[in-house]
N, C-alpha and C. Protein backbone atom coordinates (compact mmCIF):
# COMPACT_ATOMS: atom_id res chain seq x y z
N MET A 1 0.87 -1.19 0.00
CA MET A 1 0.00 0.00 0.00
C MET A 1 0.89 1.21 0.00
N PRO A 2 0.63 2.08 -0.95
CA PRO A 2 1.52 3.25 -1.02
C PRO A 2 1.39 4.13 0.19
N GLY A 3 2.50 4.75 0.45
CA GLY A 3 2.52 5.63 1.61
C GLY A 3 1.86 6.94 1.33
N HIS A 4 1.70 7.69 2.39
CA HIS A 4 1.06 9.00 2.29
C HIS A 4 1.94 9.95 1.50
N GLY A 5 1.31 10.58 0.50
CA GLY A 5 2.02 11.59 -0.32
C GLY A 5 2.75 11.01 -1.49
N SER A 6 2.71 9.67 -1.67
CA SER A 6 3.41 9.07 -2.81
C SER A 6 2.51 9.09 -4.04
N VAL A 7 3.08 8.99 -5.24
CA VAL A 7 2.34 9.01 -6.52
C VAL A 7 2.03 7.60 -6.91
N PRO A 8 0.78 7.31 -7.28
CA PRO A 8 0.44 5.95 -7.69
C PRO A 8 1.27 5.51 -8.88
N ASP A 9 1.45 4.15 -9.00
CA ASP A 9 2.29 3.62 -10.08
C ASP A 9 1.68 3.90 -11.44
N HIS A 10 0.31 3.79 -11.58
CA HIS A 10 -0.28 4.01 -12.91
C HIS A 10 -0.16 5.47 -13.32
N ALA A 11 -0.20 6.38 -12.38
CA ALA A 11 -0.02 7.81 -12.70
C ALA A 11 1.40 8.10 -13.07
N ARG A 12 2.31 7.39 -12.33
CA ARG A 12 3.74 7.59 -12.62
C ARG A 12 4.07 7.10 -14.03
N ALA A 13 3.44 6.00 -14.48
CA ALA A 13 3.73 5.44 -15.80
C ALA A 13 3.20 6.34 -16.91
N SER A 14 2.09 7.03 -16.64
CA SER A 14 1.51 7.88 -17.69
C SER A 14 2.27 9.17 -17.87
N GLU A 15 3.03 9.57 -16.93
CA GLU A 15 3.80 10.81 -17.06
C GLU A 15 5.06 10.56 -17.89
N PRO A 16 5.44 11.49 -18.80
CA PRO A 16 6.67 11.32 -19.57
C PRO A 16 7.87 11.40 -18.66
N SER A 17 8.88 10.63 -19.01
CA SER A 17 10.11 10.63 -18.21
C SER A 17 10.83 11.95 -18.38
N ARG A 18 11.71 12.19 -17.48
CA ARG A 18 12.51 13.42 -17.54
C ARG A 18 13.36 13.44 -18.80
N GLU A 19 13.87 12.26 -19.20
CA GLU A 19 14.73 12.19 -20.40
C GLU A 19 13.93 12.53 -21.65
N ALA A 20 12.67 12.02 -21.73
CA ALA A 20 11.84 12.31 -22.89
C ALA A 20 11.51 13.78 -22.98
N LYS A 21 11.25 14.38 -21.80
CA LYS A 21 10.98 15.83 -21.80
C LYS A 21 12.18 16.61 -22.29
N THR A 22 13.36 16.14 -21.90
CA THR A 22 14.57 16.86 -22.32
C THR A 22 14.73 16.80 -23.84
N LYS A 23 14.53 15.57 -24.43
CA LYS A 23 14.69 15.43 -25.88
C LYS A 23 13.65 16.25 -26.62
N ARG A 24 12.41 16.22 -26.09
CA ARG A 24 11.38 17.00 -26.76
C ARG A 24 11.69 18.49 -26.73
N GLY A 25 12.27 18.94 -25.65
CA GLY A 25 12.61 20.35 -25.57
C GLY A 25 13.70 20.74 -26.53
N ILE A 26 14.64 19.82 -26.77
CA ILE A 26 15.75 20.12 -27.68
C ILE A 26 15.28 20.19 -29.12
N PHE A 27 14.42 19.23 -29.54
CA PHE A 27 14.01 19.15 -30.94
C PHE A 27 12.74 19.92 -31.25
N ALA A 28 12.18 20.57 -30.26
CA ALA A 28 10.92 21.30 -30.48
C ALA A 28 11.04 22.36 -31.57
N PRO A 29 12.05 23.19 -31.55
CA PRO A 29 12.14 24.21 -32.63
C PRO A 29 12.21 23.60 -34.01
N LEU A 30 13.00 22.50 -34.16
CA LEU A 30 13.12 21.86 -35.47
C LEU A 30 11.79 21.27 -35.92
N MET A 31 11.08 20.66 -35.01
CA MET A 31 9.80 20.08 -35.35
C MET A 31 8.80 21.14 -35.77
N ARG A 32 8.81 22.27 -35.07
CA ARG A 32 7.89 23.35 -35.45
C ARG A 32 8.21 23.89 -36.84
N MET A 33 9.51 23.97 -37.15
CA MET A 33 9.90 24.49 -38.46
C MET A 33 9.46 23.54 -39.58
N LEU A 34 9.63 22.23 -39.37
CA LEU A 34 9.22 21.25 -40.37
C LEU A 34 7.71 21.22 -40.51
N GLU A 35 7.02 21.30 -39.39
CA GLU A 35 5.57 21.30 -39.46
C GLU A 35 5.05 22.51 -40.23
N GLY A 36 5.72 23.62 -40.12
CA GLY A 36 5.30 24.81 -40.84
C GLY A 36 5.57 24.72 -42.34
N ARG A 37 6.57 23.89 -42.75
CA ARG A 37 6.91 23.81 -44.17
C ARG A 37 6.21 22.65 -44.87
N LEU A 38 5.67 21.72 -44.11
CA LEU A 38 5.01 20.57 -44.70
C LEU A 38 3.54 20.87 -44.94
N ASP A 39 3.04 20.50 -46.13
CA ASP A 39 1.61 20.61 -46.39
C ASP A 39 0.93 19.38 -45.84
N ARG A 40 -0.36 19.39 -45.99
CA ARG A 40 -1.13 18.29 -45.43
C ARG A 40 -0.88 16.98 -46.17
N ASP A 41 -0.52 17.08 -47.48
CA ASP A 41 -0.31 15.84 -48.23
C ASP A 41 1.11 15.34 -48.10
N GLY A 42 1.90 15.97 -47.24
CA GLY A 42 3.26 15.50 -47.01
C GLY A 42 4.29 16.15 -47.91
N GLU A 43 3.90 17.06 -48.83
CA GLU A 43 4.85 17.73 -49.70
C GLU A 43 5.41 18.96 -49.00
N ALA A 44 6.58 19.37 -49.45
CA ALA A 44 7.23 20.56 -48.88
C ALA A 44 7.59 21.49 -50.01
N PRO A 45 6.67 22.36 -50.42
CA PRO A 45 6.94 23.25 -51.55
C PRO A 45 8.13 24.14 -51.33
N ALA A 46 8.39 24.53 -50.08
CA ALA A 46 9.52 25.43 -49.82
C ALA A 46 10.83 24.76 -50.12
N LEU A 47 10.84 23.41 -50.06
CA LEU A 47 12.08 22.70 -50.34
C LEU A 47 12.16 22.22 -51.78
N GLU A 48 11.10 22.44 -52.61
CA GLU A 48 11.11 22.02 -54.00
C GLU A 48 11.80 23.06 -54.87
N PRO A 49 12.52 22.64 -55.92
CA PRO A 49 13.12 23.62 -56.83
C PRO A 49 12.06 24.37 -57.61
N VAL A 50 12.31 25.65 -57.84
CA VAL A 50 11.37 26.47 -58.57
C VAL A 50 11.45 26.12 -60.05
N PRO A 51 10.34 25.74 -60.69
CA PRO A 51 10.41 25.36 -62.11
C PRO A 51 10.80 26.55 -62.97
N GLY A 52 11.71 26.31 -63.90
CA GLY A 52 12.16 27.36 -64.81
C GLY A 52 11.37 27.33 -66.10
N PRO A 53 11.66 28.25 -67.03
CA PRO A 53 10.94 28.31 -68.30
C PRO A 53 11.27 27.11 -69.17
N ASP A 54 10.34 26.73 -70.01
CA ASP A 54 10.53 25.61 -70.92
C ASP A 54 11.55 25.99 -71.99
N LEU A 55 12.62 25.19 -72.08
CA LEU A 55 13.66 25.50 -73.06
C LEU A 55 13.15 25.38 -74.48
N GLY A 56 12.15 24.52 -74.66
CA GLY A 56 11.59 24.39 -76.00
C GLY A 56 10.93 25.66 -76.47
N GLU A 57 10.31 26.40 -75.53
CA GLU A 57 9.68 27.65 -75.91
C GLU A 57 10.71 28.72 -76.20
N ILE A 58 11.85 28.65 -75.55
CA ILE A 58 12.88 29.67 -75.75
C ILE A 58 13.52 29.54 -77.11
N ASP A 59 13.85 28.29 -77.52
CA ASP A 59 14.58 28.12 -78.77
C ASP A 59 13.67 27.87 -79.95
N GLY A 60 12.41 28.19 -79.81
CA GLY A 60 11.52 28.11 -80.95
C GLY A 60 10.67 26.87 -80.98
N GLY A 61 10.68 26.08 -79.92
CA GLY A 61 9.82 24.91 -79.86
C GLY A 61 10.53 23.67 -80.35
N GLY A 62 9.81 22.55 -80.29
CA GLY A 62 10.38 21.29 -80.72
C GLY A 62 10.96 20.52 -79.55
N SER A 63 11.01 19.22 -79.72
CA SER A 63 11.54 18.37 -78.67
C SER A 63 13.05 18.45 -78.62
N ARG A 64 13.61 17.87 -77.55
CA ARG A 64 15.06 17.85 -77.45
C ARG A 64 15.68 17.05 -78.58
N ARG A 65 14.99 15.99 -78.98
CA ARG A 65 15.52 15.18 -80.08
C ARG A 65 15.58 15.99 -81.36
N ASP A 66 14.53 16.80 -81.62
CA ASP A 66 14.55 17.64 -82.80
C ASP A 66 15.67 18.65 -82.74
N ARG A 67 15.88 19.22 -81.53
CA ARG A 67 16.94 20.21 -81.41
C ARG A 67 18.31 19.58 -81.61
N ARG A 68 18.48 18.34 -81.15
CA ARG A 68 19.76 17.67 -81.33
C ARG A 68 20.03 17.37 -82.79
N LEU A 69 18.97 17.02 -83.54
CA LEU A 69 19.14 16.72 -84.94
C LEU A 69 19.32 17.96 -85.78
N GLY A 70 18.85 19.10 -85.31
CA GLY A 70 18.91 20.32 -86.10
C GLY A 70 20.34 20.76 -86.38
N LEU A 71 21.20 20.69 -85.38
CA LEU A 71 22.57 21.17 -85.55
C LEU A 71 23.36 20.34 -86.55
N PRO A 72 23.35 18.99 -86.47
CA PRO A 72 24.05 18.21 -87.49
C PRO A 72 23.53 18.44 -88.90
N GLN A 73 22.22 18.63 -89.06
CA GLN A 73 21.66 18.87 -90.39
C GLN A 73 22.17 20.19 -90.95
N GLU A 74 22.25 21.20 -90.09
CA GLU A 74 22.76 22.49 -90.53
C GLU A 74 24.22 22.37 -90.95
N ILE A 75 25.00 21.62 -90.17
CA ILE A 75 26.41 21.42 -90.50
C ILE A 75 26.54 20.68 -91.83
N LEU A 76 25.70 19.67 -92.04
CA LEU A 76 25.74 18.92 -93.29
C LEU A 76 25.39 19.80 -94.48
N ASP A 77 24.36 20.65 -94.33
CA ASP A 77 23.97 21.54 -95.42
C ASP A 77 25.10 22.50 -95.77
N ARG A 78 25.72 23.06 -94.74
CA ARG A 78 26.82 23.99 -95.00
C ARG A 78 28.01 23.30 -95.64
N SER A 79 28.30 22.09 -95.19
CA SER A 79 29.43 21.35 -95.74
C SER A 79 29.21 21.04 -97.22
N LEU A 80 28.00 20.60 -97.56
CA LEU A 80 27.71 20.30 -98.97
C LEU A 80 27.75 21.56 -99.82
N SER A 81 27.22 22.65 -99.28
CA SER A 81 27.25 23.92 -100.03
C SER A 81 28.68 24.37 -100.28
N GLN A 82 29.53 24.21 -99.26
CA GLN A 82 30.93 24.60 -99.41
C GLN A 82 31.63 23.77 -100.46
N LYS A 83 31.33 22.47 -100.48
CA LYS A 83 31.96 21.59 -101.47
C LYS A 83 31.53 21.96 -102.89
N VAL A 84 30.24 22.27 -103.06
CA VAL A 84 29.75 22.66 -104.37
C VAL A 84 30.41 23.95 -104.83
N LEU A 85 30.52 24.93 -103.91
CA LEU A 85 31.15 26.20 -104.26
C LEU A 85 32.62 26.01 -104.59
N ASP A 86 33.32 25.20 -103.81
CA ASP A 86 34.75 24.96 -104.07
C ASP A 86 34.93 24.29 -105.44
N GLY A 87 34.05 23.34 -105.75
CA GLY A 87 34.16 22.68 -107.05
C GLY A 87 33.92 23.63 -108.21
N TRP A 88 32.95 24.54 -108.02
CA TRP A 88 32.68 25.51 -109.09
C TRP A 88 33.85 26.47 -109.25
N LEU A 89 34.43 26.92 -108.14
CA LEU A 89 35.55 27.85 -108.24
C LEU A 89 36.76 27.21 -108.89
N GLN A 90 36.99 25.92 -108.61
CA GLN A 90 38.13 25.24 -109.19
C GLN A 90 37.95 24.98 -110.68
N ASN A 91 36.69 24.90 -111.14
CA ASN A 91 36.43 24.57 -112.54
C ASN A 91 35.63 25.65 -113.24
N ARG A 92 35.66 26.87 -112.71
CA ARG A 92 34.81 27.90 -113.28
C ARG A 92 35.21 28.25 -114.71
N HIS A 93 36.50 28.09 -115.05
CA HIS A 93 36.88 28.38 -116.43
C HIS A 93 36.25 27.39 -117.41
N GLN A 94 35.96 26.16 -116.94
CA GLN A 94 35.28 25.21 -117.80
C GLN A 94 33.80 25.52 -117.89
N VAL A 95 33.26 26.18 -116.89
CA VAL A 95 31.85 26.56 -116.91
C VAL A 95 31.63 27.81 -117.74
N LEU A 96 32.54 28.77 -117.60
CA LEU A 96 32.37 30.06 -118.26
C LEU A 96 32.85 30.04 -119.70
N VAL A 97 33.80 29.16 -120.03
CA VAL A 97 34.37 29.11 -121.37
C VAL A 97 33.79 27.91 -122.10
N PRO A 98 33.38 28.05 -123.36
CA PRO A 98 32.80 26.92 -124.08
C PRO A 98 33.79 25.76 -124.19
N LEU A 99 33.28 24.53 -123.95
CA LEU A 99 34.15 23.36 -124.06
C LEU A 99 34.58 23.14 -125.50
N THR A 100 33.71 23.43 -126.45
CA THR A 100 34.04 23.31 -127.87
C THR A 100 33.57 24.56 -128.60
N PHE A 101 34.35 24.97 -129.56
CA PHE A 101 34.02 26.14 -130.37
C PHE A 101 33.30 25.63 -131.62
N ARG A 102 31.97 25.72 -131.61
CA ARG A 102 31.18 25.29 -132.75
C ARG A 102 30.29 26.44 -133.20
N LEU A 103 30.52 26.91 -134.42
CA LEU A 103 29.76 28.05 -134.92
C LEU A 103 28.29 27.70 -135.14
N GLY A 104 28.00 26.42 -135.34
CA GLY A 104 26.62 26.02 -135.56
C GLY A 104 25.73 26.25 -134.36
N ARG A 105 26.31 26.42 -133.18
CA ARG A 105 25.53 26.66 -131.97
C ARG A 105 25.18 28.14 -131.78
N LEU A 106 25.75 29.00 -132.61
CA LEU A 106 25.55 30.43 -132.44
C LEU A 106 24.55 30.95 -133.47
N GLY A 107 23.97 32.10 -133.14
CA GLY A 107 23.05 32.75 -134.06
C GLY A 107 23.78 33.38 -135.23
N ALA A 108 23.02 33.74 -136.25
CA ALA A 108 23.61 34.30 -137.47
C ALA A 108 24.37 35.59 -137.19
N GLU A 109 23.81 36.45 -136.34
CA GLU A 109 24.49 37.72 -136.05
C GLU A 109 25.80 37.49 -135.31
N ASP A 110 25.82 36.53 -134.40
CA ASP A 110 27.05 36.24 -133.67
C ASP A 110 28.12 35.68 -134.60
N VAL A 111 27.70 34.81 -135.52
CA VAL A 111 28.66 34.25 -136.49
C VAL A 111 29.21 35.36 -137.38
N ASP A 112 28.33 36.25 -137.81
CA ASP A 112 28.76 37.39 -138.64
C ASP A 112 29.83 38.21 -137.91
N LEU A 113 29.60 38.49 -136.64
CA LEU A 113 30.53 39.29 -135.85
C LEU A 113 31.87 38.58 -135.70
N LEU A 114 31.85 37.28 -135.47
CA LEU A 114 33.09 36.53 -135.29
C LEU A 114 33.87 36.41 -136.60
N MET A 115 33.17 36.32 -137.71
CA MET A 115 33.87 36.28 -139.01
C MET A 115 34.62 37.59 -139.23
N ARG A 116 33.99 38.69 -138.93
CA ARG A 116 34.63 39.99 -139.11
C ARG A 116 35.81 40.17 -138.13
N PHE A 117 35.62 39.69 -136.92
CA PHE A 117 36.70 39.80 -135.94
C PHE A 117 37.90 38.93 -136.34
N THR A 118 37.64 37.73 -136.83
CA THR A 118 38.73 36.84 -137.24
C THR A 118 39.53 37.48 -138.38
N ALA A 119 38.84 38.10 -139.28
CA ALA A 119 39.54 38.77 -140.40
C ALA A 119 40.45 39.87 -139.88
N VAL A 120 39.97 40.67 -138.92
CA VAL A 120 40.79 41.75 -138.36
C VAL A 120 41.98 41.17 -137.60
N ALA A 121 41.79 40.05 -136.91
CA ALA A 121 42.90 39.41 -136.20
C ALA A 121 43.98 38.98 -137.17
N VAL A 122 43.59 38.40 -138.29
CA VAL A 122 44.58 37.97 -139.28
C VAL A 122 45.32 39.17 -139.85
N LEU A 123 44.61 40.25 -140.10
CA LEU A 123 45.24 41.44 -140.67
C LEU A 123 46.19 42.12 -139.70
N ASN A 124 45.89 42.07 -138.40
CA ASN A 124 46.69 42.80 -137.42
C ASN A 124 47.79 41.96 -136.77
N ALA A 125 47.65 40.66 -136.78
CA ALA A 125 48.58 39.84 -136.00
C ALA A 125 49.32 38.81 -136.83
N SER A 126 49.31 38.97 -138.12
CA SER A 126 50.07 38.05 -138.98
C SER A 126 50.59 38.82 -140.20
N SER A 127 51.26 38.11 -141.04
CA SER A 127 51.74 38.74 -142.27
C SER A 127 50.59 39.05 -143.23
N ALA A 128 49.44 38.45 -142.97
CA ALA A 128 48.23 38.66 -143.77
C ALA A 128 48.41 38.24 -145.23
N ASP A 129 49.38 37.38 -145.48
CA ASP A 129 49.56 36.86 -146.83
C ASP A 129 48.57 35.74 -147.10
N ASP A 130 48.67 35.16 -148.28
CA ASP A 130 47.70 34.11 -148.65
C ASP A 130 47.79 32.92 -147.71
N SER A 131 49.00 32.58 -147.26
CA SER A 131 49.16 31.43 -146.37
C SER A 131 48.45 31.67 -145.04
N ALA A 132 48.61 32.86 -144.47
CA ALA A 132 47.97 33.18 -143.19
C ALA A 132 46.46 33.22 -143.34
N ARG A 133 45.98 33.74 -144.46
CA ARG A 133 44.53 33.83 -144.67
C ARG A 133 43.92 32.44 -144.84
N ARG A 134 44.60 31.58 -145.57
CA ARG A 134 44.08 30.22 -145.78
C ARG A 134 44.11 29.42 -144.47
N MET A 135 45.16 29.65 -143.66
CA MET A 135 45.24 28.93 -142.38
C MET A 135 44.04 29.28 -141.50
N ALA A 136 43.69 30.55 -141.42
CA ALA A 136 42.52 30.96 -140.64
C ALA A 136 41.23 30.42 -141.24
N GLU A 137 41.17 30.39 -142.57
CA GLU A 137 39.96 29.89 -143.23
C GLU A 137 39.76 28.40 -142.98
N ARG A 138 40.86 27.65 -142.98
CA ARG A 138 40.74 26.22 -142.67
C ARG A 138 40.23 26.01 -141.25
N TRP A 139 40.71 26.81 -140.33
CA TRP A 139 40.24 26.66 -138.94
C TRP A 139 38.77 26.99 -138.82
N LEU A 140 38.32 28.00 -139.54
CA LEU A 140 36.90 28.35 -139.51
C LEU A 140 36.05 27.20 -140.05
N GLY A 141 36.54 26.54 -141.08
CA GLY A 141 35.81 25.38 -141.59
C GLY A 141 35.78 24.24 -140.58
N ASP A 142 36.86 24.08 -139.83
CA ASP A 142 36.93 23.01 -138.83
C ASP A 142 35.92 23.23 -137.70
N VAL A 143 35.61 24.48 -137.39
CA VAL A 143 34.68 24.75 -136.28
C VAL A 143 33.26 24.98 -136.78
N GLY A 144 33.00 24.66 -138.03
CA GLY A 144 31.62 24.65 -138.49
C GLY A 144 31.17 25.85 -139.28
N ALA A 145 32.09 26.64 -139.82
CA ALA A 145 31.67 27.80 -140.62
C ALA A 145 31.07 27.33 -141.94
N LYS A 146 29.89 27.83 -142.25
CA LYS A 146 29.23 27.49 -143.51
C LYS A 146 29.80 28.32 -144.66
N PRO A 147 29.55 27.95 -145.90
CA PRO A 147 30.12 28.69 -147.03
C PRO A 147 29.81 30.19 -146.99
N GLU A 148 28.59 30.54 -146.61
CA GLU A 148 28.26 31.97 -146.56
C GLU A 148 29.05 32.70 -145.47
N ALA A 149 29.36 32.00 -144.35
CA ALA A 149 30.17 32.61 -143.31
C ALA A 149 31.61 32.78 -143.78
N VAL A 150 32.13 31.80 -144.51
CA VAL A 150 33.49 31.90 -145.05
C VAL A 150 33.56 33.04 -146.07
N ALA A 151 32.51 33.20 -146.86
CA ALA A 151 32.47 34.29 -147.83
C ALA A 151 32.49 35.64 -147.11
N LEU A 152 31.78 35.75 -146.00
CA LEU A 152 31.80 36.99 -145.21
C LEU A 152 33.19 37.26 -144.65
N TYR A 153 33.88 36.21 -144.21
CA TYR A 153 35.26 36.35 -143.71
C TYR A 153 36.16 36.92 -144.81
N ARG A 154 36.02 36.44 -146.02
CA ARG A 154 36.85 36.92 -147.13
C ARG A 154 36.54 38.38 -147.45
N GLU A 155 35.26 38.73 -147.39
CA GLU A 155 34.90 40.12 -147.63
C GLU A 155 35.48 41.04 -146.56
N ALA A 156 35.46 40.56 -145.29
CA ALA A 156 35.97 41.37 -144.18
C ALA A 156 37.48 41.58 -144.29
N LEU A 157 38.19 40.64 -144.93
CA LEU A 157 39.62 40.83 -145.15
C LEU A 157 39.89 42.03 -146.07
N GLU A 158 38.98 42.26 -146.99
CA GLU A 158 39.15 43.35 -147.96
C GLU A 158 38.59 44.66 -147.43
N ALA A 159 37.62 44.58 -146.52
CA ALA A 159 37.01 45.80 -145.97
C ALA A 159 36.76 45.60 -144.48
N PRO A 160 37.83 45.64 -143.70
CA PRO A 160 37.68 45.36 -142.26
C PRO A 160 37.03 46.51 -141.50
N LEU A 161 36.32 46.17 -140.46
CA LEU A 161 35.78 47.16 -139.54
C LEU A 161 36.85 47.56 -138.54
N PRO A 162 36.72 48.74 -137.93
CA PRO A 162 37.69 49.14 -136.89
C PRO A 162 37.68 48.14 -135.73
N LEU A 163 38.87 47.85 -135.22
CA LEU A 163 38.99 46.88 -134.13
C LEU A 163 38.21 47.34 -132.89
N SER A 164 38.25 48.62 -132.59
CA SER A 164 37.54 49.12 -131.40
C SER A 164 36.04 48.88 -131.51
N VAL A 165 35.48 49.03 -132.71
CA VAL A 165 34.05 48.79 -132.92
C VAL A 165 33.72 47.32 -132.71
N LEU A 166 34.57 46.43 -133.22
CA LEU A 166 34.33 45.00 -133.08
C LEU A 166 34.44 44.55 -131.62
N ILE A 167 35.41 45.08 -130.91
CA ILE A 167 35.59 44.69 -129.50
C ILE A 167 34.37 45.09 -128.69
N GLN A 168 33.86 46.30 -128.91
CA GLN A 168 32.69 46.74 -128.17
C GLN A 168 31.48 45.86 -128.51
N ALA A 169 31.32 45.53 -129.78
CA ALA A 169 30.20 44.68 -130.18
C ALA A 169 30.32 43.28 -129.57
N ILE A 170 31.53 42.77 -129.48
CA ILE A 170 31.75 41.44 -128.88
C ILE A 170 31.41 41.46 -127.39
N ARG A 171 31.82 42.50 -126.72
CA ARG A 171 31.51 42.59 -125.29
C ARG A 171 30.00 42.72 -125.07
N ASP A 172 29.36 43.50 -125.91
CA ASP A 172 27.90 43.66 -125.78
C ASP A 172 27.16 42.35 -126.06
N SER A 173 27.74 41.49 -126.87
CA SER A 173 27.09 40.22 -127.25
C SER A 173 27.55 39.06 -126.38
N ASP A 174 28.39 39.30 -125.38
CA ASP A 174 28.90 38.24 -124.50
C ASP A 174 29.62 37.16 -125.29
N LEU A 175 30.42 37.56 -126.24
CA LEU A 175 31.16 36.60 -127.07
C LEU A 175 32.66 36.66 -126.80
N ALA A 176 33.06 37.21 -125.66
CA ALA A 176 34.48 37.39 -125.40
C ALA A 176 35.28 36.09 -125.47
N PRO A 177 34.84 34.98 -124.85
CA PRO A 177 35.63 33.74 -124.96
C PRO A 177 35.75 33.25 -126.40
N TYR A 178 34.68 33.35 -127.18
CA TYR A 178 34.72 32.92 -128.57
C TYR A 178 35.68 33.79 -129.38
N ALA A 179 35.62 35.09 -129.17
CA ALA A 179 36.47 35.99 -129.93
C ALA A 179 37.95 35.76 -129.60
N TYR A 180 38.25 35.56 -128.31
CA TYR A 180 39.64 35.31 -127.95
C TYR A 180 40.10 33.98 -128.53
N ALA A 181 39.23 32.97 -128.52
CA ALA A 181 39.59 31.69 -129.12
C ALA A 181 39.86 31.85 -130.61
N ALA A 182 39.06 32.64 -131.29
CA ALA A 182 39.30 32.89 -132.71
C ALA A 182 40.62 33.62 -132.92
N ALA A 183 40.93 34.54 -132.03
CA ALA A 183 42.17 35.30 -132.17
C ALA A 183 43.40 34.42 -132.04
N VAL A 184 43.39 33.47 -131.09
CA VAL A 184 44.59 32.65 -130.86
C VAL A 184 44.63 31.43 -131.78
N ALA A 185 43.48 31.04 -132.36
CA ALA A 185 43.45 29.87 -133.24
C ALA A 185 43.68 30.24 -134.70
N ALA A 186 43.28 31.44 -135.07
CA ALA A 186 43.38 31.83 -136.47
C ALA A 186 44.73 32.43 -136.83
N ILE A 187 45.56 32.69 -135.83
CA ILE A 187 46.88 33.27 -136.09
C ILE A 187 47.94 32.38 -135.44
N ASP A 188 49.15 32.58 -135.84
CA ASP A 188 50.27 31.79 -135.32
C ASP A 188 50.89 32.53 -134.13
N THR A 189 50.52 32.11 -132.92
CA THR A 189 50.99 32.82 -131.72
C THR A 189 52.45 32.53 -131.38
N ARG A 190 53.11 31.77 -132.23
CA ARG A 190 54.56 31.62 -132.04
C ARG A 190 55.29 32.90 -132.47
N GLU A 191 54.60 33.70 -133.28
CA GLU A 191 55.17 34.98 -133.70
C GLU A 191 54.98 36.02 -132.60
N PRO A 192 56.00 36.85 -132.34
CA PRO A 192 55.89 37.84 -131.25
C PRO A 192 54.69 38.76 -131.39
N VAL A 193 54.45 39.26 -132.62
CA VAL A 193 53.33 40.19 -132.79
C VAL A 193 52.01 39.49 -132.51
N ALA A 194 51.90 38.21 -132.82
CA ALA A 194 50.67 37.47 -132.56
C ALA A 194 50.45 37.30 -131.06
N ARG A 195 51.53 37.02 -130.33
CA ARG A 195 51.40 36.89 -128.87
C ARG A 195 50.97 38.20 -128.24
N LEU A 196 51.56 39.30 -128.72
CA LEU A 196 51.17 40.61 -128.18
C LEU A 196 49.72 40.93 -128.51
N PHE A 197 49.30 40.58 -129.71
CA PHE A 197 47.91 40.84 -130.09
C PHE A 197 46.95 40.02 -129.22
N ALA A 198 47.28 38.78 -128.97
CA ALA A 198 46.42 37.92 -128.14
C ALA A 198 46.29 38.49 -126.73
N GLY A 199 47.40 38.93 -126.16
CA GLY A 199 47.34 39.53 -124.84
C GLY A 199 46.52 40.81 -124.82
N PHE A 200 46.65 41.60 -125.88
CA PHE A 200 45.88 42.84 -125.98
C PHE A 200 44.39 42.55 -126.04
N ILE A 201 44.00 41.55 -126.84
CA ILE A 201 42.58 41.19 -126.97
C ILE A 201 42.03 40.69 -125.64
N ALA A 202 42.80 39.85 -124.94
CA ALA A 202 42.34 39.33 -123.64
C ALA A 202 42.10 40.47 -122.66
N ALA A 203 43.00 41.46 -122.67
CA ALA A 203 42.86 42.59 -121.76
C ALA A 203 41.65 43.46 -122.14
N ARG A 204 41.49 43.72 -123.42
CA ARG A 204 40.37 44.55 -123.86
C ARG A 204 39.02 43.87 -123.62
N LEU A 205 38.99 42.56 -123.68
CA LEU A 205 37.74 41.83 -123.46
C LEU A 205 37.52 41.52 -121.98
N ALA A 206 38.50 41.91 -121.15
CA ALA A 206 38.40 41.72 -119.69
C ALA A 206 38.18 40.25 -119.32
N LEU A 207 38.90 39.36 -119.98
CA LEU A 207 38.78 37.94 -119.66
C LEU A 207 39.59 37.61 -118.40
N PRO A 208 39.06 36.84 -117.48
CA PRO A 208 39.83 36.42 -116.30
C PRO A 208 41.03 35.58 -116.73
N ALA A 209 42.06 35.60 -115.89
CA ALA A 209 43.29 34.89 -116.22
C ALA A 209 43.06 33.40 -116.41
N ASP A 210 42.20 32.78 -115.57
CA ASP A 210 41.97 31.34 -115.71
C ASP A 210 41.22 31.02 -116.99
N ALA A 211 40.33 31.93 -117.44
CA ALA A 211 39.64 31.73 -118.70
C ALA A 211 40.62 31.82 -119.87
N VAL A 212 41.55 32.74 -119.78
CA VAL A 212 42.58 32.87 -120.83
C VAL A 212 43.41 31.60 -120.91
N ARG A 213 43.82 31.07 -119.77
CA ARG A 213 44.63 29.84 -119.77
C ARG A 213 43.84 28.67 -120.34
N SER A 214 42.55 28.60 -120.03
CA SER A 214 41.74 27.52 -120.54
C SER A 214 41.63 27.58 -122.07
N VAL A 215 41.37 28.77 -122.61
CA VAL A 215 41.29 28.92 -124.07
C VAL A 215 42.63 28.62 -124.71
N ASP A 216 43.70 29.09 -124.11
CA ASP A 216 45.04 28.83 -124.65
C ASP A 216 45.33 27.33 -124.76
N ARG A 217 44.95 26.59 -123.72
CA ARG A 217 45.21 25.14 -123.73
C ARG A 217 44.44 24.45 -124.83
N ARG A 218 43.27 24.95 -125.17
CA ARG A 218 42.42 24.27 -126.14
C ARG A 218 42.65 24.70 -127.58
N TYR A 219 42.91 26.00 -127.77
CA TYR A 219 42.88 26.53 -129.13
C TYR A 219 44.17 27.21 -129.58
N ARG A 220 45.04 27.57 -128.69
CA ARG A 220 46.21 28.36 -129.12
C ARG A 220 47.15 27.52 -129.96
N ARG A 221 47.60 28.09 -131.06
CA ARG A 221 48.52 27.39 -131.94
C ARG A 221 49.94 27.50 -131.40
């Protein structure tokens, strides 16, 4: 039987121990802080990272896979474009200069102009004797000159037009490569005066150096 003034055992058991009270006092501030940050469903928005803007919206939309594929495709397009441009630059003289000199591909007015120019080239850059005239005439036949065109060439030998007039007409007709080819093929460029005349014509027609080299390789005597 408990003595006077003592606490019953069942009351003593229901009271928290001194050690439990001490621990509760120590962790009370932390517990209050967590309870304040926790929602009812157990989430803690204060501890969640703040969502940032969608990167897809910033870079114009599309999935990450699309964005990853976009860069290689752009690189491929640029690489192919560069290769095409490099190839054209390396072979532009073959693009700009006719591969073959065929009078049959030209209009009647262009053929007329080239016949007159060839006659002036023979008169200015050769001895203009019968041998030089026949040599040029044979070349004109080889490149497709018809009898009426050859007849015009012969007439132009007897009544040539001024060289300055012919050069301007050739430039206006975009026949510079053809005219230079006629100049170097119809005359013997082994002669000093013929070489000087060919260089003069190339300069007056404003032909690029690579175009001049291309014509020289194909047609220069």
